[in-house]
Amino acid sequence: MRSKGTIFRFGDAQIAIAWVLRQEGVVTIPKATKPDHVRANREALDIRLTHQDLEDLAHEFPTPSRKVPLEML
């Protein structure tokens, strides 16, 4: 999946945080055990996902057709 667009330049966790931050009424509390993790999590605030990025994510992670348990990243 990491072939183009904004998502190519950032880590998986950063993209996940950026996506969650776009959702109205949803909060994310990312784990950060080291200063590098704190910095990476903070960088997620600056990520601007493009329309193409969102389409790529929707294609890679389609909405489930039934209830499924959530996975931890």
PDB file of N, CA and C in Angstrom:
ATOM      1  N   MET A   1       0.818  -1.194   0.000  1.00  0.00           N
ATOM      2  CA  MET A   1       0.000   0.000   0.000  1.00  0.00           C
ATOM      3  C   MET A   1       0.861   1.256   0.000  1.00  0.00           C
ATOM      4  N   ARG A   2       2.009   1.228   0.569  1.00  0.00           N
ATOM      5  CA  ARG A   2       2.835   2.421   0.716  1.00  0.00           C
ATOM      6  C   ARG A   2       3.500   2.807  -0.589  1.00  0.00           C
ATOM      7  N   SER A   3       2.711   3.168  -1.567  1.00  0.00           N
ATOM      8  CA  SER A   3       3.293   3.435  -2.873  1.00  0.00           C
ATOM      9  C   SER A   3       3.173   4.881  -3.331  1.00  0.00           C
ATOM     10  N   LYS A   4       2.266   5.648  -2.746  1.00  0.00           N
ATOM     11  CA  LYS A   4       2.061   6.997  -3.275  1.00  0.00           C
ATOM     12  C   LYS A   4       1.424   7.895  -2.225  1.00  0.00           C
ATOM     13  N   GLY A   5       1.373   9.150  -2.531  1.00  0.00           N
ATOM     14  CA  GLY A   5       0.653  10.108  -1.695  1.00  0.00           C
ATOM     15  C   GLY A   5       1.302  10.365  -0.345  1.00  0.00           C
ATOM     16  N   THR A   6       0.550  11.014   0.497  1.00  0.00           N
ATOM     17  CA  THR A   6       1.003  11.417   1.822  1.00  0.00           C
ATOM     18  C   THR A   6       1.411  10.214   2.659  1.00  0.00           C
ATOM     19  N   ILE A   7       0.679   9.132   2.553  1.00  0.00           N
ATOM     20  CA  ILE A   7       0.907   7.991   3.432  1.00  0.00           C
ATOM     21  C   ILE A   7       2.261   7.337   3.221  1.00  0.00           C
ATOM     22  N   PHE A   8       2.903   7.601   2.111  1.00  0.00           N
ATOM     23  CA  PHE A   8       4.210   7.014   1.827  1.00  0.00           C
ATOM     24  C   PHE A   8       5.289   7.558   2.755  1.00  0.00           C
ATOM     25  N   ARG A   9       5.134   8.793   3.209  1.00  0.00           N
ATOM     26  CA  ARG A   9       6.186   9.475   3.971  1.00  0.00           C
ATOM     27  C   ARG A   9       6.108   9.282   5.486  1.00  0.00           C
ATOM     28  N   PHE A  10       5.075   8.628   5.975  1.00  0.00           N
ATOM     29  CA  PHE A  10       4.871   8.522   7.419  1.00  0.00           C
ATOM     30  C   PHE A  10       4.688   7.072   7.845  1.00  0.00           C
ATOM     31  N   GLY A  11       4.825   6.829   9.141  1.00  0.00           N
ATOM     32  CA  GLY A  11       4.644   5.492   9.691  1.00  0.00           C
ATOM     33  C   GLY A  11       3.174   5.115   9.794  1.00  0.00           C
ATOM     34  N   ASP A  12       2.930   3.821   9.941  1.00  0.00           N
ATOM     35  CA  ASP A  12       1.556   3.325  10.042  1.00  0.00           C
ATOM     36  C   ASP A  12       0.800   3.963  11.200  1.00  0.00           C
ATOM     37  N   ALA A  13       1.448   4.043  12.368  1.00  0.00           N
ATOM     38  CA  ALA A  13       0.787   4.622  13.538  1.00  0.00           C
ATOM     39  C   ALA A  13       0.459   6.094  13.306  1.00  0.00           C
ATOM     40  N   GLN A  14       1.369   6.824  12.660  1.00  0.00           N
ATOM     41  CA  GLN A  14       1.110   8.237  12.379  1.00  0.00           C
ATOM     42  C   GLN A  14      -0.095   8.398  11.454  1.00  0.00           C
ATOM     43  N   ILE A  15      -0.191   7.557  10.449  1.00  0.00           N
ATOM     44  CA  ILE A  15      -1.335   7.631   9.530  1.00  0.00           C
ATOM     45  C   ILE A  15      -2.627   7.288  10.266  1.00  0.00           C
ATOM     46  N   ALA A  16      -2.567   6.263  11.122  1.00  0.00           N
ATOM     47  CA  ALA A  16      -3.761   5.889  11.889  1.00  0.00           C
ATOM     48  C   ALA A  16      -4.209   7.038  12.787  1.00  0.00           C
ATOM     49  N   ILE A  17      -3.259   7.675  13.454  1.00  0.00           N
ATOM     50  CA  ILE A  17      -3.597   8.815  14.321  1.00  0.00           C
ATOM     51  C   ILE A  17      -4.173   9.952  13.497  1.00  0.00           C
ATOM     52  N   ALA A  18      -3.553  10.264  12.366  1.00  0.00           N
ATOM     53  CA  ALA A  18      -4.052  11.345  11.500  1.00  0.00           C
ATOM     54  C   ALA A  18      -5.471  11.048  11.025  1.00  0.00           C
ATOM     55  N   TRP A  19      -5.741   9.792  10.683  1.00  0.00           N
ATOM     56  CA  TRP A  19      -7.089   9.419  10.214  1.00  0.00           C
ATOM     57  C   TRP A  19      -8.103   9.588  11.341  1.00  0.00           C
ATOM     58  N   VAL A  20      -7.760   9.124  12.550  1.00  0.00           N
ATOM     59  CA  VAL A  20      -8.678   9.245  13.687  1.00  0.00           C
ATOM     60  C   VAL A  20      -8.947  10.714  13.998  1.00  0.00           C
ATOM     61  N   LEU A  21      -7.919  11.547  13.921  1.00  0.00           N
ATOM     62  CA  LEU A  21      -8.100  12.963  14.231  1.00  0.00           C
ATOM     63  C   LEU A  21      -9.045  13.668  13.261  1.00  0.00           C
ATOM     64  N   ARG A  22      -9.260  13.102  12.076  1.00  0.00           N
ATOM     65  CA  ARG A  22     -10.200  13.674  11.099  1.00  0.00           C
ATOM     66  C   ARG A  22     -11.653  13.373  11.464  1.00  0.00           C
ATOM     67  N   GLN A  23     -11.866  12.378  12.315  1.00  0.00           N
ATOM     68  CA  GLN A  23     -13.211  11.926  12.637  1.00  0.00           C
ATOM     69  C   GLN A  23     -13.818  12.807  13.724  1.00  0.00           C
ATOM     70  N   GLU A  24     -14.966  13.376  13.424  1.00  0.00           N
ATOM     71  CA  GLU A  24     -15.635  14.238  14.385  1.00  0.00           C
ATOM     72  C   GLU A  24     -16.163  13.409  15.551  1.00  0.00           C
ATOM     73  N   GLY A  25     -15.933  13.896  16.762  1.00  0.00           N
ATOM     74  CA  GLY A  25     -16.442  13.231  17.952  1.00  0.00           C
ATOM     75  C   GLY A  25     -15.643  12.008  18.376  1.00  0.00           C
ATOM     76  N   VAL A  26     -14.456  11.819  17.807  1.00  0.00           N
ATOM     77  CA  VAL A  26     -13.610  10.676  18.154  1.00  0.00           C
ATOM     78  C   VAL A  26     -12.304  11.207  18.720  1.00  0.00           C
ATOM     79  N   VAL A  27     -11.796  10.534  19.738  1.00  0.00           N
ATOM     80  CA  VAL A  27     -10.554  10.931  20.389  1.00  0.00           C
ATOM     81  C   VAL A  27      -9.565   9.782  20.275  1.00  0.00           C
ATOM     82  N   THR A  28      -8.302  10.116  20.132  1.00  0.00           N
ATOM     83  CA  THR A  28      -7.257   9.108  20.136  1.00  0.00           C
ATOM     84  C   THR A  28      -6.297   9.382  21.287  1.00  0.00           C
ATOM     85  N   ILE A  29      -5.890   8.314  21.948  1.00  0.00           N
ATOM     86  CA  ILE A  29      -4.899   8.424  23.017  1.00  0.00           C
ATOM     87  C   ILE A  29      -3.773   7.466  22.659  1.00  0.00           C
ATOM     88  N   PRO A  30      -2.808   7.953  21.859  1.00  0.00           N
ATOM     89  CA  PRO A  30      -1.732   7.067  21.424  1.00  0.00           C
ATOM     90  C   PRO A  30      -0.730   6.784  22.538  1.00  0.00           C
ATOM     91  N   LYS A  31      -0.227   5.569  22.540  1.00  0.00           N
ATOM     92  CA  LYS A  31       0.791   5.184  23.512  1.00  0.00           C
ATOM     93  C   LYS A  31       2.132   5.786  23.098  1.00  0.00           C
ATOM     94  N   ALA A  32       2.867   6.258  24.089  1.00  0.00           N
ATOM     95  CA  ALA A  32       4.197   6.814  23.822  1.00  0.00           C
ATOM     96  C   ALA A  32       5.089   6.499  25.018  1.00  0.00           C
ATOM     97  N   THR A  33       5.960   5.515  24.852  1.00  0.00           N
ATOM     98  CA  THR A  33       6.831   5.117  25.954  1.00  0.00           C
ATOM     99  C   THR A  33       8.217   5.738  25.864  1.00  0.00           C
ATOM    100  N   LYS A  34       8.522   6.347  24.724  1.00  0.00           N
ATOM    101  CA  LYS A  34       9.841   6.954  24.515  1.00  0.00           C
ATOM    102  C   LYS A  34       9.669   8.337  23.888  1.00  0.00           C
ATOM    103  N   PRO A  35      10.624   9.223  24.085  1.00  0.00           N
ATOM    104  CA  PRO A  35      10.536  10.563  23.486  1.00  0.00           C
ATOM    105  C   PRO A  35      10.336  10.520  21.965  1.00  0.00           C
ATOM    106  N   ASP A  36      10.958   9.556  21.284  1.00  0.00           N
ATOM    107  CA  ASP A  36      10.769   9.444  19.832  1.00  0.00           C
ATOM    108  C   ASP A  36       9.313   9.158  19.484  1.00  0.00           C
ATOM    109  N   HIS A  37       8.646   8.355  20.306  1.00  0.00           N
ATOM    110  CA  HIS A  37       7.233   8.050  20.075  1.00  0.00           C
ATOM    111  C   HIS A  37       6.374   9.303  20.249  1.00  0.00           C
ATOM    112  N   VAL A  38       6.706  10.084  21.275  1.00  0.00           N
ATOM    113  CA  VAL A  38       5.960  11.327  21.510  1.00  0.00           C
ATOM    114  C   VAL A  38       6.101  12.248  20.303  1.00  0.00           C
ATOM    115  N   ARG A  39       7.323  12.383  19.785  1.00  0.00           N
ATOM    116  CA  ARG A  39       7.552  13.245  18.616  1.00  0.00           C
ATOM    117  C   ARG A  39       6.798  12.720  17.392  1.00  0.00           C
ATOM    118  N   ALA A  40       6.848  11.424  17.164  1.00  0.00           N
ATOM    119  CA  ALA A  40       6.150  10.843  16.012  1.00  0.00           C
ATOM    120  C   ALA A  40       4.639  11.041  16.138  1.00  0.00           C
ATOM    121  N   ASN A  41       4.109  10.858  17.344  1.00  0.00           N
ATOM    122  CA  ASN A  41       2.675  11.075  17.548  1.00  0.00           C
ATOM    123  C   ASN A  41       2.310  12.534  17.300  1.00  0.00           C
ATOM    124  N   ARG A  42       3.159  13.442  17.737  1.00  0.00           N
ATOM    125  CA  ARG A  42       2.903  14.870  17.524  1.00  0.00           C
ATOM    126  C   ARG A  42       2.917  15.218  16.041  1.00  0.00           C
ATOM    127  N   GLU A  43       3.818  14.594  15.283  1.00  0.00           N
ATOM    128  CA  GLU A  43       3.895  14.848  13.843  1.00  0.00           C
ATOM    129  C   GLU A  43       2.599  14.460  13.134  1.00  0.00           C
ATOM    130  N   ALA A  44       1.863  13.529  13.705  1.00  0.00           N
ATOM    131  CA  ALA A  44       0.597  13.113  13.097  1.00  0.00           C
ATOM    132  C   ALA A  44      -0.397  14.273  13.004  1.00  0.00           C
ATOM    133  N   LEU A  45      -0.272  15.240  13.905  1.00  0.00           N
ATOM    134  CA  LEU A  45      -1.160  16.415  13.854  1.00  0.00           C
ATOM    135  C   LEU A  45      -0.965  17.224  12.579  1.00  0.00           C
ATOM    136  N   ASP A  46       0.232  17.163  12.010  1.00  0.00           N
ATOM    137  CA  ASP A  46       0.553  17.956  10.825  1.00  0.00           C
ATOM    138  C   ASP A  46       0.240  17.241   9.514  1.00  0.00           C
ATOM    139  N   ILE A  47      -0.145  15.976   9.594  1.00  0.00           N
ATOM    140  CA  ILE A  47      -0.420  15.212   8.375  1.00  0.00           C
ATOM    141  C   ILE A  47      -1.765  15.640   7.803  1.00  0.00           C
ATOM    142  N   ARG A  48      -1.769  15.978   6.539  1.00  0.00           N
ATOM    143  CA  ARG A  48      -3.008  16.325   5.828  1.00  0.00           C
ATOM    144  C   ARG A  48      -3.260  15.235   4.799  1.00  0.00           C
ATOM    145  N   LEU A  49      -4.174  14.356   5.112  1.00  0.00           N
ATOM    146  CA  LEU A  49      -4.497  13.268   4.192  1.00  0.00           C
ATOM    147  C   LEU A  49      -5.280  13.818   3.008  1.00  0.00           C
ATOM    148  N   THR A  50      -4.845  13.479   1.812  1.00  0.00           N
ATOM    149  CA  THR A  50      -5.523  13.933   0.603  1.00  0.00           C
ATOM    150  C   THR A  50      -6.720  13.037   0.315  1.00  0.00           C
ATOM    151  N   HIS A  51      -7.544  13.476  -0.606  1.00  0.00           N
ATOM    152  CA  HIS A  51      -8.688  12.659  -1.029  1.00  0.00           C
ATOM    153  C   HIS A  51      -8.194  11.301  -1.542  1.00  0.00           C
ATOM    154  N   GLN A  52      -7.109  11.316  -2.295  1.00  0.00           N
ATOM    155  CA  GLN A  52      -6.555  10.061  -2.810  1.00  0.00           C
ATOM    156  C   GLN A  52      -6.040   9.173  -1.681  1.00  0.00           C
ATOM    157  N   ASP A  53      -5.400   9.770  -0.672  1.00  0.00           N
ATOM    158  CA  ASP A  53      -4.945   9.003   0.488  1.00  0.00           C
ATOM    159  C   ASP A  53      -6.131   8.303   1.157  1.00  0.00           C
ATOM    160  N   LEU A  54      -7.210   9.040   1.346  1.00  0.00           N
ATOM    161  CA  LEU A  54      -8.393   8.467   1.998  1.00  0.00           C
ATOM    162  C   LEU A  54      -9.008   7.355   1.159  1.00  0.00           C
ATOM    163  N   GLU A  55      -9.030   7.532  -0.155  1.00  0.00           N
ATOM    164  CA  GLU A  55      -9.532   6.466  -1.026  1.00  0.00           C
ATOM    165  C   GLU A  55      -8.644   5.233  -0.946  1.00  0.00           C
ATOM    166  N   ASP A  56      -7.330   5.440  -0.927  1.00  0.00           N
ATOM    167  CA  ASP A  56      -6.394   4.319  -0.805  1.00  0.00           C
ATOM    168  C   ASP A  56      -6.602   3.572   0.511  1.00  0.00           C
ATOM    169  N   LEU A  57      -6.778   4.317   1.600  1.00  0.00           N
ATOM    170  CA  LEU A  57      -7.019   3.692   2.896  1.00  0.00           C
ATOM    171  C   LEU A  57      -8.339   2.937   2.906  1.00  0.00           C
ATOM    172  N   ALA A  58      -9.384   3.519   2.316  1.00  0.00           N
ATOM    173  CA  ALA A  58     -10.684   2.851   2.266  1.00  0.00           C
ATOM    174  C   ALA A  58     -10.611   1.567   1.448  1.00  0.00           C
ATOM    175  N   HIS A  59      -9.807   1.584   0.397  1.00  0.00           N
ATOM    176  CA  HIS A  59      -9.635   0.385  -0.432  1.00  0.00           C
ATOM    177  C   HIS A  59      -8.862  -0.694   0.333  1.00  0.00           C
ATOM    178  N   GLU A  60      -7.814  -0.269   1.039  1.00  0.00           N
ATOM    179  CA  GLU A  60      -6.976  -1.211   1.788  1.00  0.00           C
ATOM    180  C   GLU A  60      -7.686  -1.757   3.028  1.00  0.00           C
ATOM    181  N   PHE A  61      -8.523  -0.912   3.644  1.00  0.00           N
ATOM    182  CA  PHE A  61      -9.230  -1.277   4.871  1.00  0.00           C
ATOM    183  C   PHE A  61     -10.722  -0.995   4.702  1.00  0.00           C
ATOM    184  N   PRO A  62     -11.441  -1.833   3.952  1.00  0.00           N
ATOM    185  CA  PRO A  62     -12.855  -1.566   3.693  1.00  0.00           C
ATOM    186  C   PRO A  62     -13.699  -1.658   4.970  1.00  0.00           C
ATOM    187  N   THR A  63     -14.799  -0.947   4.962  1.00  0.00           N
ATOM    188  CA  THR A  63     -15.740  -0.995   6.074  1.00  0.00           C
ATOM    189  C   THR A  63     -16.297  -2.412   6.182  1.00  0.00           C
ATOM    190  N   PRO A  64     -16.257  -3.008   7.377  1.00  0.00           N
ATOM    191  CA  PRO A  64     -16.768  -4.374   7.509  1.00  0.00           C
ATOM    192  C   PRO A  64     -18.267  -4.432   7.293  1.00  0.00           C
ATOM    193  N   SER A  65     -18.744  -5.559   6.801  1.00  0.00           N
ATOM    194  CA  SER A  65     -20.174  -5.735   6.541  1.00  0.00           C
ATOM    195  C   SER A  65     -20.908  -6.267   7.780  1.00  0.00           C
ATOM    196  N   ARG A  66     -20.147  -6.606   8.820  1.00  0.00           N
ATOM    197  CA  ARG A  66     -20.732  -7.088  10.081  1.00  0.00           C
ATOM    198  C   ARG A  66     -19.845  -6.604  11.233  1.00  0.00           C
ATOM    199  N   LYS A  67     -20.315  -6.762  12.445  1.00  0.00           N
ATOM    200  CA  LYS A  67     -19.524  -6.367  13.598  1.00  0.00           C
ATOM    201  C   LYS A  67     -18.310  -7.268  13.734  1.00  0.00           C
ATOM    202  N   VAL A  68     -17.165  -6.625  13.951  1.00  0.00           N
ATOM    203  CA  VAL A  68     -15.919  -7.372  14.143  1.00  0.00           C
ATOM    204  C   VAL A  68     -15.155  -6.716  15.294  1.00  0.00           C
ATOM    205  N   PRO A  69     -14.376  -7.488  16.048  1.00  0.00           N
ATOM    206  CA  PRO A  69     -13.591  -6.884  17.131  1.00  0.00           C
ATOM    207  C   PRO A  69     -12.488  -5.996  16.545  1.00  0.00           C
ATOM    208  N   LEU A  70     -12.164  -4.949  17.262  1.00  0.00           N
ATOM    209  CA  LEU A  70     -11.112  -4.036  16.820  1.00  0.00           C
ATOM    210  C   LEU A  70      -9.751  -4.597  17.174  1.00  0.00           C
ATOM    211  N   GLU A  71      -8.781  -4.330  16.313  1.00  0.00           N
ATOM    212  CA  GLU A  71      -7.410  -4.749  16.567  1.00  0.00           C
ATOM    213  C   GLU A  71      -6.615  -3.565  17.090  1.00  0.00           C
ATOM    214  N   MET A  72      -5.645  -3.842  17.913  1.00  0.00           N
ATOM    215  CA  MET A  72      -4.732  -2.810  18.404  1.00  0.00           C
ATOM    216  C   MET A  72      -3.583  -2.692  17.427  1.00  0.00           C
ATOM    217  N   LEU A  73      -3.136  -1.471  17.139  1.00  0.00           N
ATOM    218  CA  LEU A  73      -1.983  -1.268  16.263  1.00  0.00           C
ATOM    219  C   LEU A  73      -0.712  -1.321  17.063  1.00  0.00           C
TER     220      LEU A  73
END
